[in-house]
Amino acid sequence: MTIQRIRFFGDPVLRTPAEPVTDFDKELRTLVTDLAETMLDAPGSGLAAPQIGVGLRVFTYHIDDEQSGHLVNPVLHYPSDEEQDGPEGCLSIPGLSFDCRRKAHVVAHGQNMFGDPVTVDGTAMLARCVQHETDHLDGVLFVDRLDADARKAAMRAIRDAEWSGLAVPAVKISPHPTGGLAL
């Protein structure tokens, strides 16, 4: 279990659609554990793999102490057209929150880390979280869902945030020092 660095707005991985998981192996179980630990440490209600730089369709969630888990390769269905409007934030856009409209009820079908079928049926905050994290897997951020005025205010706040413009972490080819030798 390792707490990972969360990627911030501006990192290209957040705008890249994630690939479906095909191998339900030890690496996937480690990823799910790392996501959960990182999410709880942040603290947050959800965390998608692209937010820690992994382009796979996996996310974890934790709403209160009764609704927590993970979902691999989620597919969303909406039982009704009813919507909810409320504040939404993101660990990749820290310290900022804006009202965002979402569906009030969602049913998500996917798999757990072992490949077994899983269904998550959520309303209120769980519905918002599942939609938010699935958006991350599609390369969509919640600010993309805001109306024009709110989006303009959000982008201004992001530009003014102290974390804005920080260098995107480099991809390491080797975790070992190269001693001046070419990689």
N, C-alpha and C. Protein backbone atom coordinates (compact mmCIF):
# COMPACT_ATOMS: atom_id res chain seq x y z
N MET A 1 0.84 -1.18 0.00
CA MET A 1 0.00 0.00 0.00
C MET A 1 0.88 1.24 0.00
N THR A 2 0.62 2.11 -0.95
CA THR A 2 1.40 3.32 -1.09
C THR A 2 0.48 4.48 -1.41
N ILE A 3 0.67 5.58 -0.70
CA ILE A 3 -0.07 6.80 -1.03
C ILE A 3 0.62 7.43 -2.23
N GLN A 4 -0.15 7.63 -3.28
CA GLN A 4 0.38 8.14 -4.54
C GLN A 4 0.19 9.65 -4.65
N ARG A 5 0.93 10.27 -5.52
CA ARG A 5 0.78 11.70 -5.80
C ARG A 5 -0.43 11.89 -6.70
N ILE A 6 -1.30 12.80 -6.33
CA ILE A 6 -2.50 13.10 -7.13
C ILE A 6 -2.13 14.13 -8.18
N ARG A 7 -2.52 13.87 -9.41
CA ARG A 7 -2.25 14.78 -10.52
C ARG A 7 -3.24 15.93 -10.50
N PHE A 8 -2.77 17.15 -10.82
CA PHE A 8 -3.59 18.35 -10.81
C PHE A 8 -4.06 18.73 -12.21
N PHE A 9 -5.09 19.56 -12.23
CA PHE A 9 -5.62 20.13 -13.46
C PHE A 9 -4.46 20.62 -14.32
N GLY A 10 -4.50 20.29 -15.60
CA GLY A 10 -3.43 20.66 -16.52
C GLY A 10 -2.57 19.47 -16.92
N ASP A 11 -2.57 18.42 -16.10
CA ASP A 11 -1.82 17.22 -16.44
C ASP A 11 -2.58 16.49 -17.56
N PRO A 12 -1.92 16.19 -18.67
CA PRO A 12 -2.60 15.56 -19.81
C PRO A 12 -3.28 14.22 -19.49
N VAL A 13 -2.81 13.50 -18.47
CA VAL A 13 -3.41 12.21 -18.15
C VAL A 13 -4.87 12.38 -17.74
N LEU A 14 -5.22 13.55 -17.20
CA LEU A 14 -6.60 13.79 -16.77
C LEU A 14 -7.55 14.00 -17.94
N ARG A 15 -7.01 14.28 -19.11
CA ARG A 15 -7.83 14.49 -20.32
C ARG A 15 -7.76 13.31 -21.30
N THR A 16 -7.11 12.25 -20.89
CA THR A 16 -6.95 11.09 -21.76
C THR A 16 -7.90 9.98 -21.32
N PRO A 17 -8.77 9.51 -22.22
CA PRO A 17 -9.67 8.40 -21.84
C PRO A 17 -8.86 7.17 -21.41
N ALA A 18 -9.30 6.56 -20.32
CA ALA A 18 -8.60 5.39 -19.77
C ALA A 18 -8.97 4.13 -20.54
N GLU A 19 -8.06 3.17 -20.51
CA GLU A 19 -8.24 1.89 -21.19
C GLU A 19 -8.99 0.91 -20.29
N PRO A 20 -9.81 0.04 -20.88
CA PRO A 20 -10.48 -0.99 -20.06
C PRO A 20 -9.47 -1.93 -19.42
N VAL A 21 -9.81 -2.40 -18.23
CA VAL A 21 -8.97 -3.38 -17.55
C VAL A 21 -9.24 -4.75 -18.16
N THR A 22 -8.18 -5.46 -18.52
CA THR A 22 -8.32 -6.81 -19.07
C THR A 22 -7.65 -7.86 -18.20
N ASP A 23 -6.70 -7.43 -17.37
CA ASP A 23 -5.98 -8.37 -16.49
C ASP A 23 -6.36 -8.10 -15.04
N PHE A 24 -7.02 -9.07 -14.43
CA PHE A 24 -7.43 -8.95 -13.03
C PHE A 24 -6.39 -9.70 -12.18
N ASP A 25 -5.25 -9.04 -12.01
CA ASP A 25 -4.10 -9.68 -11.39
C ASP A 25 -3.66 -8.93 -10.13
N LYS A 26 -2.51 -9.31 -9.62
CA LYS A 26 -1.98 -8.69 -8.41
C LYS A 26 -1.74 -7.20 -8.61
N GLU A 27 -1.29 -6.81 -9.80
CA GLU A 27 -1.05 -5.39 -10.08
C GLU A 27 -2.34 -4.58 -9.94
N LEU A 28 -3.45 -5.13 -10.41
CA LEU A 28 -4.73 -4.44 -10.29
C LEU A 28 -5.14 -4.32 -8.82
N ARG A 29 -4.96 -5.38 -8.07
CA ARG A 29 -5.30 -5.33 -6.64
C ARG A 29 -4.45 -4.30 -5.91
N THR A 30 -3.18 -4.20 -6.29
CA THR A 30 -2.31 -3.18 -5.70
C THR A 30 -2.79 -1.78 -6.08
N LEU A 31 -3.18 -1.60 -7.33
CA LEU A 31 -3.70 -0.31 -7.79
C LEU A 31 -4.94 0.09 -6.99
N VAL A 32 -5.88 -0.83 -6.81
CA VAL A 32 -7.10 -0.54 -6.05
C VAL A 32 -6.75 -0.16 -4.62
N THR A 33 -5.82 -0.88 -4.00
CA THR A 33 -5.40 -0.57 -2.63
C THR A 33 -4.75 0.81 -2.57
N ASP A 34 -3.87 1.11 -3.53
CA ASP A 34 -3.21 2.42 -3.58
C ASP A 34 -4.23 3.54 -3.77
N LEU A 35 -5.21 3.32 -4.64
CA LEU A 35 -6.27 4.32 -4.86
C LEU A 35 -7.04 4.58 -3.57
N ALA A 36 -7.43 3.52 -2.88
CA ALA A 36 -8.20 3.67 -1.65
C ALA A 36 -7.39 4.40 -0.58
N GLU A 37 -6.14 4.01 -0.40
CA GLU A 37 -5.29 4.65 0.61
C GLU A 37 -5.06 6.13 0.28
N THR A 38 -4.81 6.42 -0.98
CA THR A 38 -4.57 7.80 -1.41
C THR A 38 -5.83 8.63 -1.23
N MET A 39 -6.99 8.07 -1.60
CA MET A 39 -8.27 8.76 -1.47
C MET A 39 -8.55 9.11 -0.01
N LEU A 40 -8.38 8.14 0.88
CA LEU A 40 -8.66 8.37 2.30
C LEU A 40 -7.66 9.35 2.93
N ASP A 41 -6.42 9.31 2.47
CA ASP A 41 -5.40 10.21 2.99
C ASP A 41 -5.64 11.65 2.56
N ALA A 42 -6.22 11.85 1.37
CA ALA A 42 -6.35 13.19 0.80
C ALA A 42 -7.12 14.20 1.66
N PRO A 43 -8.21 14.01 2.30
CA PRO A 43 -9.22 12.96 2.11
C PRO A 43 -10.19 13.34 0.98
N GLY A 44 -10.77 12.31 0.37
CA GLY A 44 -11.74 12.54 -0.70
C GLY A 44 -12.84 11.51 -0.67
N SER A 45 -13.85 11.74 -1.51
CA SER A 45 -14.99 10.82 -1.62
C SER A 45 -14.78 9.80 -2.73
N GLY A 46 -13.86 10.08 -3.63
CA GLY A 46 -13.60 9.17 -4.73
C GLY A 46 -12.26 9.50 -5.35
N LEU A 47 -11.70 8.52 -6.06
CA LEU A 47 -10.43 8.73 -6.75
C LEU A 47 -10.35 7.75 -7.91
N ALA A 48 -10.09 8.28 -9.10
CA ALA A 48 -9.97 7.46 -10.31
C ALA A 48 -8.49 7.25 -10.64
N ALA A 49 -8.20 6.12 -11.27
CA ALA A 49 -6.81 5.78 -11.59
C ALA A 49 -6.08 6.88 -12.38
N PRO A 50 -6.72 7.54 -13.37
CA PRO A 50 -5.98 8.60 -14.06
C PRO A 50 -5.50 9.72 -13.13
N GLN A 51 -6.17 9.91 -12.00
CA GLN A 51 -5.76 10.97 -11.07
C GLN A 51 -4.43 10.67 -10.39
N ILE A 52 -3.98 9.42 -10.46
CA ILE A 52 -2.64 9.10 -9.96
C ILE A 52 -1.73 8.66 -11.11
N GLY A 53 -2.15 9.01 -12.34
CA GLY A 53 -1.31 8.78 -13.50
C GLY A 53 -1.41 7.41 -14.13
N VAL A 54 -2.47 6.65 -13.81
CA VAL A 54 -2.65 5.31 -14.38
C VAL A 54 -3.87 5.34 -15.30
N GLY A 55 -3.67 5.05 -16.55
CA GLY A 55 -4.72 5.12 -17.55
C GLY A 55 -5.59 3.89 -17.66
N LEU A 56 -6.13 3.44 -16.54
CA LEU A 56 -7.03 2.27 -16.54
C LEU A 56 -8.38 2.66 -15.95
N ARG A 57 -9.44 1.97 -16.38
CA ARG A 57 -10.81 2.26 -15.97
C ARG A 57 -11.12 1.65 -14.59
N VAL A 58 -10.61 2.32 -13.55
CA VAL A 58 -10.77 1.87 -12.17
C VAL A 58 -10.98 3.10 -11.30
N PHE A 59 -11.90 3.01 -10.35
CA PHE A 59 -11.99 4.06 -9.33
C PHE A 59 -12.43 3.47 -8.00
N THR A 60 -12.13 4.23 -6.94
CA THR A 60 -12.57 3.87 -5.59
C THR A 60 -13.50 4.98 -5.11
N TYR A 61 -14.33 4.65 -4.12
CA TYR A 61 -15.23 5.65 -3.55
C TYR A 61 -15.42 5.37 -2.07
N HIS A 62 -15.74 6.45 -1.34
CA HIS A 62 -15.98 6.35 0.09
C HIS A 62 -16.91 7.49 0.49
N ILE A 63 -18.18 7.15 0.67
CA ILE A 63 -19.19 8.13 1.09
C ILE A 63 -19.61 7.73 2.49
N ASP A 64 -19.33 8.58 3.44
CA ASP A 64 -19.55 8.26 4.86
C ASP A 64 -18.80 6.97 5.18
N ASP A 65 -19.25 6.21 6.13
CA ASP A 65 -18.56 4.95 6.45
C ASP A 65 -19.33 3.75 5.94
N GLU A 66 -20.48 3.98 5.33
CA GLU A 66 -21.34 2.87 4.91
C GLU A 66 -21.27 2.56 3.42
N GLN A 67 -20.83 3.51 2.63
CA GLN A 67 -20.78 3.31 1.19
C GLN A 67 -19.35 3.49 0.70
N SER A 68 -18.64 2.39 0.58
CA SER A 68 -17.28 2.47 0.07
C SER A 68 -16.99 1.23 -0.76
N GLY A 69 -16.06 1.37 -1.68
CA GLY A 69 -15.69 0.26 -2.52
C GLY A 69 -14.92 0.72 -3.73
N HIS A 70 -14.92 -0.10 -4.74
CA HIS A 70 -14.24 0.22 -5.99
C HIS A 70 -15.03 -0.35 -7.15
N LEU A 71 -14.75 0.14 -8.33
CA LEU A 71 -15.43 -0.34 -9.53
C LEU A 71 -14.43 -0.34 -10.69
N VAL A 72 -14.42 -1.43 -11.41
CA VAL A 72 -13.55 -1.61 -12.57
C VAL A 72 -14.43 -1.67 -13.81
N ASN A 73 -14.04 -0.97 -14.86
CA ASN A 73 -14.76 -0.95 -16.14
C ASN A 73 -16.24 -0.59 -15.97
N PRO A 74 -16.55 0.54 -15.30
CA PRO A 74 -17.95 0.88 -15.05
C PRO A 74 -18.71 1.29 -16.32
N VAL A 75 -19.97 0.90 -16.33
CA VAL A 75 -20.92 1.34 -17.36
C VAL A 75 -22.12 1.88 -16.59
N LEU A 76 -22.52 3.13 -16.89
CA LEU A 76 -23.58 3.78 -16.13
C LEU A 76 -24.92 3.72 -16.84
N HIS A 77 -25.97 3.58 -16.04
CA HIS A 77 -27.36 3.64 -16.51
C HIS A 77 -28.11 4.57 -15.58
N TYR A 78 -29.06 5.31 -16.14
CA TYR A 78 -29.82 6.27 -15.35
C TYR A 78 -31.29 5.87 -15.35
N PRO A 79 -31.81 5.41 -14.19
CA PRO A 79 -33.19 4.94 -14.10
C PRO A 79 -34.23 6.05 -14.31
N SER A 80 -33.83 7.31 -14.11
CA SER A 80 -34.79 8.40 -14.31
C SER A 80 -34.06 9.63 -14.84
N ASP A 81 -34.82 10.61 -15.28
CA ASP A 81 -34.24 11.85 -15.77
C ASP A 81 -34.08 12.89 -14.66
N GLU A 82 -34.48 12.53 -13.44
CA GLU A 82 -34.39 13.47 -12.32
C GLU A 82 -32.94 13.88 -12.11
N GLU A 83 -32.73 15.17 -11.83
CA GLU A 83 -31.38 15.69 -11.64
C GLU A 83 -31.22 16.28 -10.25
N GLN A 84 -29.98 16.44 -9.85
CA GLN A 84 -29.63 17.12 -8.61
C GLN A 84 -28.60 18.19 -8.95
N ASP A 85 -28.63 19.25 -8.18
CA ASP A 85 -27.66 20.33 -8.36
C ASP A 85 -27.02 20.57 -7.00
N GLY A 86 -25.70 20.63 -6.96
CA GLY A 86 -25.05 20.84 -5.68
C GLY A 86 -23.56 21.04 -5.84
N PRO A 87 -22.90 21.36 -4.74
CA PRO A 87 -21.47 21.63 -4.79
C PRO A 87 -20.67 20.37 -5.12
N GLU A 88 -19.66 20.58 -5.94
CA GLU A 88 -18.80 19.47 -6.32
C GLU A 88 -17.37 19.98 -6.34
N GLY A 89 -16.47 19.14 -5.87
CA GLY A 89 -15.05 19.46 -5.89
C GLY A 89 -14.29 18.28 -6.47
N CYS A 90 -12.98 18.39 -6.50
CA CYS A 90 -12.17 17.34 -7.11
C CYS A 90 -10.77 17.39 -6.50
N LEU A 91 -10.23 16.22 -6.20
CA LEU A 91 -8.87 16.16 -5.65
C LEU A 91 -7.82 16.65 -6.65
N SER A 92 -8.17 16.66 -7.94
CA SER A 92 -7.25 17.17 -8.97
C SER A 92 -7.42 18.67 -9.19
N ILE A 93 -8.40 19.26 -8.52
CA ILE A 93 -8.63 20.70 -8.54
C ILE A 93 -8.82 21.11 -7.07
N PRO A 94 -7.76 20.99 -6.26
CA PRO A 94 -7.89 21.10 -4.81
C PRO A 94 -8.34 22.48 -4.33
N GLY A 95 -9.17 22.44 -3.28
CA GLY A 95 -9.59 23.66 -2.62
C GLY A 95 -10.70 24.43 -3.30
N LEU A 96 -11.19 23.94 -4.44
CA LEU A 96 -12.23 24.66 -5.17
C LEU A 96 -13.49 23.79 -5.28
N SER A 97 -14.63 24.45 -5.23
CA SER A 97 -15.91 23.75 -5.32
C SER A 97 -16.89 24.63 -6.08
N PHE A 98 -17.69 24.01 -6.95
CA PHE A 98 -18.68 24.75 -7.74
C PHE A 98 -19.93 23.90 -7.86
N ASP A 99 -21.09 24.56 -7.98
CA ASP A 99 -22.34 23.83 -8.18
C ASP A 99 -22.33 23.17 -9.55
N CYS A 100 -22.67 21.88 -9.55
CA CYS A 100 -22.66 21.08 -10.78
C CYS A 100 -23.93 20.25 -10.83
N ARG A 101 -24.55 20.18 -11.99
CA ARG A 101 -25.77 19.40 -12.18
C ARG A 101 -25.40 17.98 -12.60
N ARG A 102 -26.01 17.01 -11.90
CA ARG A 102 -25.80 15.59 -12.18
C ARG A 102 -27.14 14.87 -12.12
N LYS A 103 -27.18 13.65 -12.63
CA LYS A 103 -28.36 12.80 -12.47
C LYS A 103 -28.51 12.45 -11.00
N ALA A 104 -29.75 12.35 -10.54
CA ALA A 104 -30.01 12.09 -9.13
C ALA A 104 -29.87 10.62 -8.76
N HIS A 105 -29.96 9.73 -9.75
CA HIS A 105 -29.91 8.29 -9.50
C HIS A 105 -29.09 7.63 -10.60
N VAL A 106 -28.16 6.79 -10.23
CA VAL A 106 -27.33 6.08 -11.20
C VAL A 106 -27.19 4.62 -10.78
N VAL A 107 -27.16 3.75 -11.78
CA VAL A 107 -26.83 2.34 -11.56
C VAL A 107 -25.59 2.06 -12.39
N ALA A 108 -24.52 1.66 -11.70
CA ALA A 108 -23.25 1.40 -12.37
C ALA A 108 -22.98 -0.11 -12.34
N HIS A 109 -22.71 -0.66 -13.52
CA HIS A 109 -22.35 -2.07 -13.64
C HIS A 109 -20.87 -2.14 -13.99
N GLY A 110 -20.17 -3.05 -13.37
CA GLY A 110 -18.75 -3.23 -13.64
C GLY A 110 -18.26 -4.49 -12.97
N GLN A 111 -17.01 -4.44 -12.57
CA GLN A 111 -16.39 -5.60 -11.93
C GLN A 111 -15.61 -5.16 -10.71
N ASN A 112 -15.33 -6.12 -9.84
CA ASN A 112 -14.43 -5.84 -8.72
C ASN A 112 -13.01 -6.19 -9.16
N MET A 113 -12.05 -6.09 -8.25
CA MET A 113 -10.65 -6.32 -8.59
C MET A 113 -10.33 -7.77 -8.97
N PHE A 114 -11.28 -8.67 -8.72
CA PHE A 114 -11.09 -10.08 -9.07
C PHE A 114 -11.79 -10.46 -10.37
N GLY A 115 -12.53 -9.50 -10.96
CA GLY A 115 -13.25 -9.75 -12.20
C GLY A 115 -14.69 -10.17 -11.99
N ASP A 116 -15.15 -10.22 -10.74
CA ASP A 116 -16.54 -10.59 -10.46
C ASP A 116 -17.45 -9.42 -10.78
N PRO A 117 -18.67 -9.70 -11.29
CA PRO A 117 -19.62 -8.62 -11.60
C PRO A 117 -20.05 -7.88 -10.33
N VAL A 118 -20.18 -6.56 -10.45
CA VAL A 118 -20.58 -5.69 -9.35
C VAL A 118 -21.58 -4.68 -9.88
N THR A 119 -22.60 -4.38 -9.06
CA THR A 119 -23.55 -3.31 -9.38
C THR A 119 -23.57 -2.34 -8.21
N VAL A 120 -23.44 -1.07 -8.53
CA VAL A 120 -23.54 -0.01 -7.52
C VAL A 120 -24.76 0.82 -7.88
N ASP A 121 -25.73 0.88 -6.97
CA ASP A 121 -26.97 1.62 -7.16
C ASP A 121 -26.92 2.81 -6.22
N GLY A 122 -26.83 4.02 -6.76
CA GLY A 122 -26.62 5.17 -5.90
C GLY A 122 -27.53 6.34 -6.18
N THR A 123 -27.85 7.06 -5.12
CA THR A 123 -28.57 8.32 -5.21
C THR A 123 -27.77 9.35 -4.42
N ALA A 124 -28.20 10.59 -4.50
CA ALA A 124 -27.59 11.69 -3.75
C ALA A 124 -26.07 11.72 -3.97
N MET A 125 -25.30 11.72 -2.89
CA MET A 125 -23.83 11.87 -2.97
C MET A 125 -23.16 10.70 -3.68
N LEU A 126 -23.65 9.47 -3.47
CA LEU A 126 -23.04 8.32 -4.15
C LEU A 126 -23.25 8.43 -5.66
N ALA A 127 -24.44 8.87 -6.10
CA ALA A 127 -24.69 9.05 -7.53
C ALA A 127 -23.75 10.10 -8.10
N ARG A 128 -23.59 11.19 -7.38
CA ARG A 128 -22.68 12.26 -7.83
C ARG A 128 -21.25 11.74 -7.94
N CYS A 129 -20.81 11.00 -6.93
CA CYS A 129 -19.44 10.47 -6.90
C CYS A 129 -19.19 9.50 -8.06
N VAL A 130 -20.10 8.56 -8.26
CA VAL A 130 -19.93 7.57 -9.34
C VAL A 130 -19.87 8.25 -10.70
N GLN A 131 -20.72 9.24 -10.93
CA GLN A 131 -20.68 9.97 -12.20
C GLN A 131 -19.39 10.76 -12.35
N HIS A 132 -18.96 11.42 -11.27
CA HIS A 132 -17.73 12.21 -11.29
C HIS A 132 -16.51 11.33 -11.61
N GLU A 133 -16.40 10.20 -10.92
CA GLU A 133 -15.24 9.32 -11.13
C GLU A 133 -15.27 8.67 -12.51
N THR A 134 -16.45 8.30 -12.99
CA THR A 134 -16.55 7.73 -14.34
C THR A 134 -16.17 8.77 -15.38
N ASP A 135 -16.54 10.03 -15.14
CA ASP A 135 -16.09 11.10 -16.04
C ASP A 135 -14.57 11.12 -16.12
N HIS A 136 -13.88 10.98 -14.98
CA HIS A 136 -12.41 10.95 -15.00
C HIS A 136 -11.91 9.85 -15.93
N LEU A 137 -12.58 8.72 -15.94
CA LEU A 137 -12.15 7.61 -16.79
C LEU A 137 -12.35 7.92 -18.27
N ASP A 138 -13.23 8.88 -18.55
CA ASP A 138 -13.50 9.30 -19.93
C ASP A 138 -12.71 10.55 -20.32
N GLY A 139 -11.85 11.04 -19.42
CA GLY A 139 -11.07 12.24 -19.70
C GLY A 139 -11.86 13.53 -19.53
N VAL A 140 -12.93 13.48 -18.74
CA VAL A 140 -13.81 14.63 -18.52
C VAL A 140 -13.66 15.08 -17.07
N LEU A 141 -13.57 16.39 -16.85
CA LEU A 141 -13.50 16.96 -15.51
C LEU A 141 -14.82 17.64 -15.18
N PHE A 142 -15.15 17.74 -13.90
CA PHE A 142 -16.45 18.29 -13.53
C PHE A 142 -16.62 19.73 -14.01
N VAL A 143 -15.53 20.48 -14.16
CA VAL A 143 -15.66 21.86 -14.65
C VAL A 143 -16.17 21.89 -16.09
N ASP A 144 -16.01 20.80 -16.83
CA ASP A 144 -16.54 20.71 -18.19
C ASP A 144 -18.07 20.66 -18.19
N ARG A 145 -18.66 20.27 -17.08
CA ARG A 145 -20.11 20.12 -16.96
C ARG A 145 -20.81 21.36 -16.41
N LEU A 146 -20.05 22.38 -16.07
CA LEU A 146 -20.63 23.60 -15.52
C LEU A 146 -21.23 24.46 -16.62
N ASP A 147 -22.22 25.30 -16.24
CA ASP A 147 -22.77 26.23 -17.23
C ASP A 147 -21.68 27.26 -17.56
N ALA A 148 -21.89 28.04 -18.60
CA ALA A 148 -20.85 28.93 -19.12
C ALA A 148 -20.31 29.90 -18.07
N ASP A 149 -21.18 30.53 -17.31
CA ASP A 149 -20.72 31.51 -16.31
C ASP A 149 -19.93 30.82 -15.19
N ALA A 150 -20.44 29.71 -14.71
CA ALA A 150 -19.75 28.98 -13.64
C ALA A 150 -18.41 28.44 -14.13
N ARG A 151 -18.38 27.97 -15.36
CA ARG A 151 -17.12 27.46 -15.93
C ARG A 151 -16.08 28.58 -16.03
N LYS A 152 -16.51 29.76 -16.45
CA LYS A 152 -15.60 30.90 -16.56
C LYS A 152 -15.04 31.24 -15.17
N ALA A 153 -15.90 31.26 -14.15
CA ALA A 153 -15.46 31.53 -12.78
C ALA A 153 -14.51 30.44 -12.30
N ALA A 154 -14.82 29.19 -12.62
CA ALA A 154 -13.96 28.06 -12.21
C ALA A 154 -12.59 28.17 -12.86
N MET A 155 -12.54 28.47 -14.13
CA MET A 155 -11.24 28.57 -14.81
C MET A 155 -10.41 29.72 -14.25
N ARG A 156 -11.06 30.82 -13.90
CA ARG A 156 -10.35 31.95 -13.29
C ARG A 156 -9.78 31.52 -11.93
N ALA A 157 -10.59 30.81 -11.14
CA ALA A 157 -10.14 30.34 -9.82
C ALA A 157 -8.99 29.34 -9.96
N ILE A 158 -9.05 28.49 -10.96
CA ILE A 158 -7.98 27.51 -11.20
C ILE A 158 -6.68 28.24 -11.56
N ARG A 159 -6.78 29.24 -12.45
CA ARG A 159 -5.58 30.00 -12.83
C ARG A 159 -4.97 30.71 -11.63
N ASP A 160 -5.82 31.16 -10.68
CA ASP A 160 -5.34 31.89 -9.51
C ASP A 160 -4.89 30.99 -8.36
N ALA A 161 -5.18 29.70 -8.46
CA ALA A 161 -4.85 28.77 -7.36
C ALA A 161 -3.34 28.65 -7.21
N GLU A 162 -2.89 28.48 -5.97
CA GLU A 162 -1.45 28.42 -5.72
C GLU A 162 -0.79 27.19 -6.36
N TRP A 163 -1.56 26.13 -6.59
CA TRP A 163 -1.01 24.92 -7.20
C TRP A 163 -1.01 24.99 -8.72
N SER A 164 -1.70 25.96 -9.30
CA SER A 164 -1.82 26.07 -10.76
C SER A 164 -0.46 26.33 -11.40
N GLY A 165 -0.18 25.62 -12.46
CA GLY A 165 1.06 25.82 -13.19
C GLY A 165 2.25 25.07 -12.64
N LEU A 166 2.03 24.26 -11.59
CA LEU A 166 3.14 23.46 -11.10
C LEU A 166 3.57 22.48 -12.18
N ALA A 167 4.81 22.16 -12.19
CA ALA A 167 5.34 21.25 -13.21
C ALA A 167 4.65 19.89 -13.16
N VAL A 168 4.34 19.38 -14.32
CA VAL A 168 3.78 18.03 -14.44
C VAL A 168 4.90 17.05 -14.17
N PRO A 169 4.65 16.04 -13.32
CA PRO A 169 5.73 15.11 -13.01
C PRO A 169 6.22 14.37 -14.26
N ALA A 170 7.51 14.20 -14.33
CA ALA A 170 8.10 13.47 -15.46
C ALA A 170 7.84 11.98 -15.30
N VAL A 171 7.73 11.31 -16.41
CA VAL A 171 7.59 9.87 -16.40
C VAL A 171 8.99 9.29 -16.24
N LYS A 172 9.17 8.47 -15.22
CA LYS A 172 10.48 7.88 -14.97
C LYS A 172 10.61 6.57 -15.73
N ILE A 173 11.71 6.42 -16.42
CA ILE A 173 11.98 5.18 -17.14
C ILE A 173 12.51 4.13 -16.20
N SER A 174 13.32 4.57 -15.23
CA SER A 174 13.89 3.66 -14.26
C SER A 174 13.86 4.32 -12.89
N PRO A 175 13.50 3.58 -11.87
CA PRO A 175 13.52 4.17 -10.54
C PRO A 175 14.93 4.26 -9.94
N HIS A 176 15.91 3.72 -10.64
CA HIS A 176 17.27 3.67 -10.13
C HIS A 176 18.11 4.78 -10.75
N PRO A 177 19.03 5.36 -10.00
CA PRO A 177 19.90 6.38 -10.57
C PRO A 177 20.74 5.78 -11.70
N THR A 178 20.96 6.57 -12.71
CA THR A 178 21.68 6.05 -13.88
C THR A 178 23.17 6.34 -13.83
N GLY A 179 23.60 7.09 -12.83
CA GLY A 179 25.04 7.37 -12.72
C GLY A 179 25.58 8.14 -13.91
N GLY A 180 24.73 8.99 -14.52
CA GLY A 180 25.17 9.78 -15.66
C GLY A 180 25.11 9.03 -16.98
N LEU A 181 24.72 7.78 -16.97
CA LEU A 181 24.62 7.03 -18.21
C LEU A 181 23.29 7.31 -18.88
N ALA A 182 23.26 7.25 -20.16
CA ALA A 182 22.01 7.49 -20.92
C ALA A 182 21.02 6.36 -20.62
N LEU A 183 19.76 6.73 -20.60
CA LEU A 183 18.72 5.73 -20.39
C LEU A 183 18.47 5.06 -21.68
